[in-house]
Amino acid sequence: MKTKLIMLMLLCVVLITSGATAKEVVTVTQLDPADIPPRTSSPATEMVGNLNAAYWLLGGWFAGQESYAYIFNPSEQVTCNTGFQVISVHMYLDFEPADVPVTFEVYADLGSAVLDPTSGCYVPGPEECTGTTYTVTIDVAGAYDISIPLDCECAYIFDPSGAPYIYYLSMHYPTAFTARVVTDNIQAACMNYNDWGEGWADLDPYFTTYGTINMYADVICCSDPVGTESRSWGDVKSLFR
């Protein structure tokens, strides 16, 4: 059964415009950091993804029927020794008065990032763990933390040679609707991607100086199941390297 999610409201202020070229004309609104509650991983014990503070609201870009992804290296973010298990995925979206009320579908996944030899970037690759589709209703304008449960098996941090695996988190919005994307204030290539029907595209050239999307996941540490002879997910993932 699809479950309506409970959202956490944030506030936003100060409208300015940008000359960025994108799918549509992008407008930029600065968030007041004091209005954003502290990020928490409860009941999980760790977090991965973009853990930077939210800073910008980017309008004129998000139209639904699209997906967003964030590349991360768990070995640089968790204290786990062997593996991690994703509990939920978060992405911030902001809704203006003209955007609400709105009801839309959304689901999250965790996947393996693969190295693109042309760009030298890690890009979204195979989906390893895809979650249930949820129905979300937003009645009041404002910025929201869209938190989607995800039930994944243990994802391993290192391959058999000791090299770290690179992953991506993604959120998929099958419904057409409008909202503003929330980003940090740190520009970074090869980190966040958008698929609006033309394949995954690096958002860095589009968002220019306005940072990367605020997407992260709550995780817990895990390890090999005891007493099993089946190959771990880490071994299977090595086939994609």
Protein backbone atom coordinates (compact mmCIF):
# COMPACT_ATOMS: atom_id res chain seq x y z
CA MET A 1 0.00 0.00 0.00
CA LYS A 2 1.27 3.43 -0.88
CA THR A 3 1.91 5.54 2.19
CA LYS A 4 1.60 9.30 2.52
CA LEU A 5 4.81 10.71 3.98
CA ILE A 6 5.06 13.18 6.83
CA MET A 7 7.24 16.11 5.74
CA LEU A 8 9.47 18.45 7.68
CA MET A 9 8.86 22.12 6.78
CA LEU A 10 11.68 24.58 6.23
CA LEU A 11 11.45 28.32 5.49
CA CYS A 12 13.01 30.46 2.74
CA VAL A 13 13.72 34.17 2.06
CA VAL A 14 15.29 36.71 -0.35
CA LEU A 15 14.53 36.29 -4.06
CA ILE A 16 17.25 37.01 -6.68
CA THR A 17 17.57 36.01 -10.32
CA SER A 18 20.23 34.12 -12.24
CA GLY A 19 21.44 34.24 -15.83
CA ALA A 20 22.02 30.47 -15.91
CA THR A 21 20.90 28.61 -19.01
CA ALA A 22 19.01 25.37 -18.41
CA LYS A 23 15.92 23.44 -19.46
CA GLU A 24 14.06 26.54 -18.39
CA VAL A 25 15.17 29.95 -17.08
CA VAL A 26 16.56 29.40 -13.59
CA THR A 27 15.74 31.76 -10.73
CA VAL A 28 17.57 31.60 -7.41
CA THR A 29 16.28 32.12 -3.87
CA GLN A 30 18.64 32.12 -0.90
CA LEU A 31 17.65 30.11 2.16
CA ASP A 32 18.17 31.47 5.65
CA PRO A 33 20.35 28.78 7.34
CA ALA A 34 18.78 29.62 10.70
CA ASP A 35 15.44 28.35 9.39
CA ILE A 36 16.79 24.90 8.52
CA PRO A 37 16.58 22.37 11.38
CA PRO A 38 19.65 20.21 12.13
CA ARG A 39 19.94 17.14 9.92
CA THR A 40 19.49 13.91 11.86
CA SER A 41 20.06 10.26 11.00
CA SER A 42 17.81 8.90 13.76
CA PRO A 43 16.96 6.00 14.01
CA ALA A 44 19.93 5.17 11.76
CA THR A 45 23.50 5.64 13.02
CA GLU A 46 25.30 7.00 9.93
CA MET A 47 24.67 9.27 6.93
CA VAL A 48 26.02 9.33 3.36
CA GLY A 49 25.54 11.69 0.43
CA ASN A 50 25.54 15.49 0.44
CA LEU A 51 25.80 16.52 4.08
CA ASN A 52 26.47 20.20 3.36
CA ALA A 53 24.04 22.86 4.53
CA ALA A 54 21.18 23.84 2.22
CA TYR A 55 21.72 27.32 0.74
CA TRP A 56 19.93 27.97 -2.58
CA LEU A 57 16.48 27.37 -4.08
CA LEU A 58 16.60 26.96 -7.87
CA GLY A 59 13.34 27.69 -9.66
CA GLY A 60 12.29 27.17 -13.27
CA TRP A 61 14.07 23.83 -13.52
CA PHE A 62 12.09 21.06 -11.84
CA ALA A 63 9.01 19.89 -13.75
CA GLY A 64 8.57 16.31 -12.55
CA GLN A 65 8.79 13.18 -14.70
CA GLU A 66 12.52 13.19 -13.98
CA SER A 67 15.18 11.71 -11.69
CA TYR A 68 18.06 13.08 -9.60
CA ALA A 69 21.22 11.32 -8.42
CA TYR A 70 24.13 12.07 -6.10
CA ILE A 71 27.50 10.25 -6.28
CA PHE A 72 29.24 9.30 -3.03
CA ASN A 73 32.12 7.25 -1.66
CA PRO A 74 31.01 5.54 1.59
CA SER A 75 34.60 4.92 2.70
CA GLU A 76 34.95 8.69 3.13
CA GLN A 77 31.74 9.15 5.11
CA VAL A 78 30.91 6.21 7.39
CA THR A 79 32.67 4.61 10.33
CA CYS A 80 31.48 1.14 9.26
CA ASN A 81 34.25 -1.41 8.72
CA THR A 82 32.66 -3.69 6.13
CA GLY A 83 29.36 -2.48 4.74
CA PHE A 84 26.39 -0.17 5.12
CA GLN A 85 22.64 -0.57 4.71
CA VAL A 86 20.46 2.29 3.45
CA ILE A 87 17.35 2.95 5.55
CA SER A 88 15.94 6.02 3.82
CA VAL A 89 16.85 8.63 1.19
CA HIS A 90 16.23 12.38 1.54
CA MET A 91 15.94 15.21 -0.99
CA TYR A 92 14.87 18.80 -0.33
CA LEU A 93 12.26 20.44 -2.58
CA ASP A 94 10.58 23.82 -2.24
CA PHE A 95 7.00 24.60 -3.26
CA GLU A 96 5.77 28.09 -4.09
CA PRO A 97 2.11 29.08 -3.58
CA ALA A 98 1.32 28.39 -7.24
CA ASP A 99 2.75 24.85 -6.89
CA VAL A 100 0.32 23.67 -4.20
CA PRO A 101 -1.77 21.77 -3.45
CA VAL A 102 -0.07 18.90 -5.24
CA THR A 103 0.02 15.12 -5.00
CA PHE A 104 2.85 13.20 -6.67
CA GLU A 105 4.61 9.84 -6.68
CA VAL A 106 8.25 9.29 -5.75
CA TYR A 107 10.63 6.41 -5.14
CA ALA A 108 14.31 6.12 -4.24
CA ASP A 109 17.15 3.76 -5.04
CA LEU A 110 20.80 2.99 -4.40
CA GLY A 111 23.02 2.09 -7.33
CA SER A 112 26.58 1.47 -8.46
CA ALA A 113 28.41 4.40 -10.01
CA VAL A 114 30.63 3.55 -12.99
CA LEU A 115 33.61 5.42 -14.39
CA ASP A 116 32.98 7.20 -17.69
CA PRO A 117 36.31 7.12 -19.58
CA THR A 118 35.29 10.08 -21.76
CA SER A 119 34.57 12.56 -18.97
CA GLY A 120 36.68 10.90 -16.27
CA CYS A 121 33.64 11.15 -13.98
CA TYR A 122 31.75 8.52 -12.04
CA VAL A 123 28.19 8.43 -13.37
CA PRO A 124 25.01 6.57 -12.30
CA GLY A 125 25.17 2.93 -13.39
CA PRO A 126 23.20 -0.21 -12.45
CA GLU A 127 20.37 0.19 -9.93
CA GLU A 128 21.10 -2.21 -7.09
CA CYS A 129 18.23 -1.52 -4.67
CA THR A 130 14.96 0.07 -5.80
CA GLY A 131 12.35 1.12 -3.29
CA THR A 132 8.57 1.20 -3.15
CA THR A 133 6.70 4.04 -4.87
CA TYR A 134 5.12 6.41 -2.35
CA THR A 135 2.41 9.03 -2.76
CA VAL A 136 3.18 12.47 -1.30
CA THR A 137 0.72 15.33 -0.81
CA ILE A 138 1.89 18.92 -0.24
CA ASP A 139 -0.86 21.35 0.80
CA VAL A 140 1.14 24.34 2.08
CA ALA A 141 3.88 26.24 0.26
CA GLY A 142 7.41 25.98 1.66
CA ALA A 143 10.57 23.90 1.57
CA TYR A 144 10.30 20.23 2.53
CA ASP A 145 12.58 17.33 3.32
CA ILE A 146 11.20 14.52 1.13
CA SER A 147 12.21 11.39 3.07
CA ILE A 148 11.65 8.06 1.29
CA PRO A 149 12.13 4.69 3.05
CA LEU A 150 14.44 2.24 1.28
CA ASP A 151 14.96 -1.39 2.32
CA CYS A 152 18.37 -2.44 0.95
CA GLU A 153 20.65 -5.39 1.63
CA CYS A 154 24.17 -4.81 2.93
CA ALA A 155 26.23 -2.74 0.46
CA TYR A 156 29.93 -3.33 0.78
CA ILE A 157 32.40 -0.48 1.15
CA PHE A 158 35.51 -2.09 -0.38
CA ASP A 159 36.04 -4.54 -3.23
CA PRO A 160 38.23 -7.68 -2.80
CA SER A 161 41.35 -5.68 -3.72
CA GLY A 162 40.65 -3.11 -1.00
CA ALA A 163 39.56 -0.32 -3.36
CA PRO A 164 36.41 1.60 -2.35
CA TYR A 165 33.16 1.11 -4.20
CA ILE A 166 31.51 4.27 -5.53
CA TYR A 167 27.72 4.50 -5.26
CA TYR A 168 24.89 6.89 -6.04
CA LEU A 169 21.60 7.75 -4.36
CA SER A 170 18.67 8.67 -6.58
CA MET A 171 15.13 9.97 -6.30
CA HIS A 172 12.60 9.42 -9.10
CA TYR A 173 9.53 11.58 -9.69
CA PRO A 174 7.20 9.94 -12.28
CA THR A 175 4.50 12.64 -11.85
CA ALA A 176 4.57 15.97 -13.69
CA PHE A 177 4.56 18.85 -11.16
CA THR A 178 6.59 21.97 -10.40
CA ALA A 179 8.89 22.73 -7.47
CA ARG A 180 12.24 24.35 -6.73
CA VAL A 181 15.43 22.32 -6.27
CA VAL A 182 17.42 22.92 -3.06
CA THR A 183 21.23 23.02 -3.32
CA ASP A 184 24.25 23.77 -1.16
CA ASN A 185 26.71 26.57 -1.90
CA ILE A 186 29.59 24.37 -3.14
CA GLN A 187 30.04 23.88 -6.87
CA ALA A 188 31.30 20.41 -7.81
CA ALA A 189 31.45 18.54 -11.10
CA CYS A 190 30.79 14.79 -11.36
CA MET A 191 28.67 14.78 -8.17
CA ASN A 192 25.00 15.36 -9.00
CA TYR A 193 23.01 14.28 -12.04
CA ASN A 194 19.58 14.83 -13.54
CA ASP A 195 17.71 12.64 -16.04
CA TRP A 196 14.75 14.48 -17.60
CA GLY A 197 14.28 11.92 -20.35
CA GLU A 198 17.57 12.35 -22.19
CA GLY A 199 19.82 10.25 -19.94
CA TRP A 200 21.89 11.28 -16.94
CA ALA A 201 23.42 14.77 -17.26
CA ASP A 202 25.91 16.38 -14.86
CA LEU A 203 24.15 19.35 -13.23
CA ASP A 204 27.37 21.31 -12.65
CA PRO A 205 27.29 23.15 -16.02
CA TYR A 206 23.63 24.06 -15.49
CA PHE A 207 23.65 25.11 -11.84
CA THR A 208 27.03 26.88 -12.26
CA THR A 209 27.93 28.51 -8.93
CA TYR A 210 24.75 27.41 -7.16
CA GLY A 211 26.10 24.18 -5.74
CA THR A 212 24.89 20.58 -5.69
CA ILE A 213 21.55 19.05 -4.75
CA ASN A 214 20.85 18.37 -1.08
CA MET A 215 20.37 14.59 -1.18
CA TYR A 216 21.52 12.19 1.50
CA ALA A 217 20.66 8.84 3.09
CA ASP A 218 20.32 7.41 6.58
CA VAL A 219 22.34 4.19 6.91
CA ILE A 220 23.39 1.59 9.47
CA CYS A 221 26.54 -0.52 9.51
CA CYS A 222 26.31 -4.16 8.41
CA SER A 223 28.55 -7.11 7.50
CA ASP A 224 28.46 -10.50 5.73
CA PRO A 225 25.55 -12.72 6.81
CA VAL A 226 26.80 -15.62 8.94
CA GLY A 227 26.66 -19.13 7.52
CA THR A 228 25.97 -18.34 3.88
CA GLU A 229 27.96 -19.49 0.87
CA SER A 230 26.27 -17.16 -1.62
CA ARG A 231 28.28 -14.34 -3.10
CA SER A 232 27.98 -11.00 -1.40
CA TRP A 233 26.62 -7.94 -3.20
CA GLY A 234 30.18 -6.64 -3.17
CA ASP A 235 31.33 -9.65 -5.21
CA VAL A 236 28.47 -9.21 -7.66
CA LYS A 237 29.23 -5.50 -7.98
CA SER A 238 32.80 -6.35 -9.00
CA LEU A 239 31.38 -7.65 -12.28
CA PHE A 240 30.57 -4.05 -13.21
CA ARG A 241 34.13 -2.79 -12.60
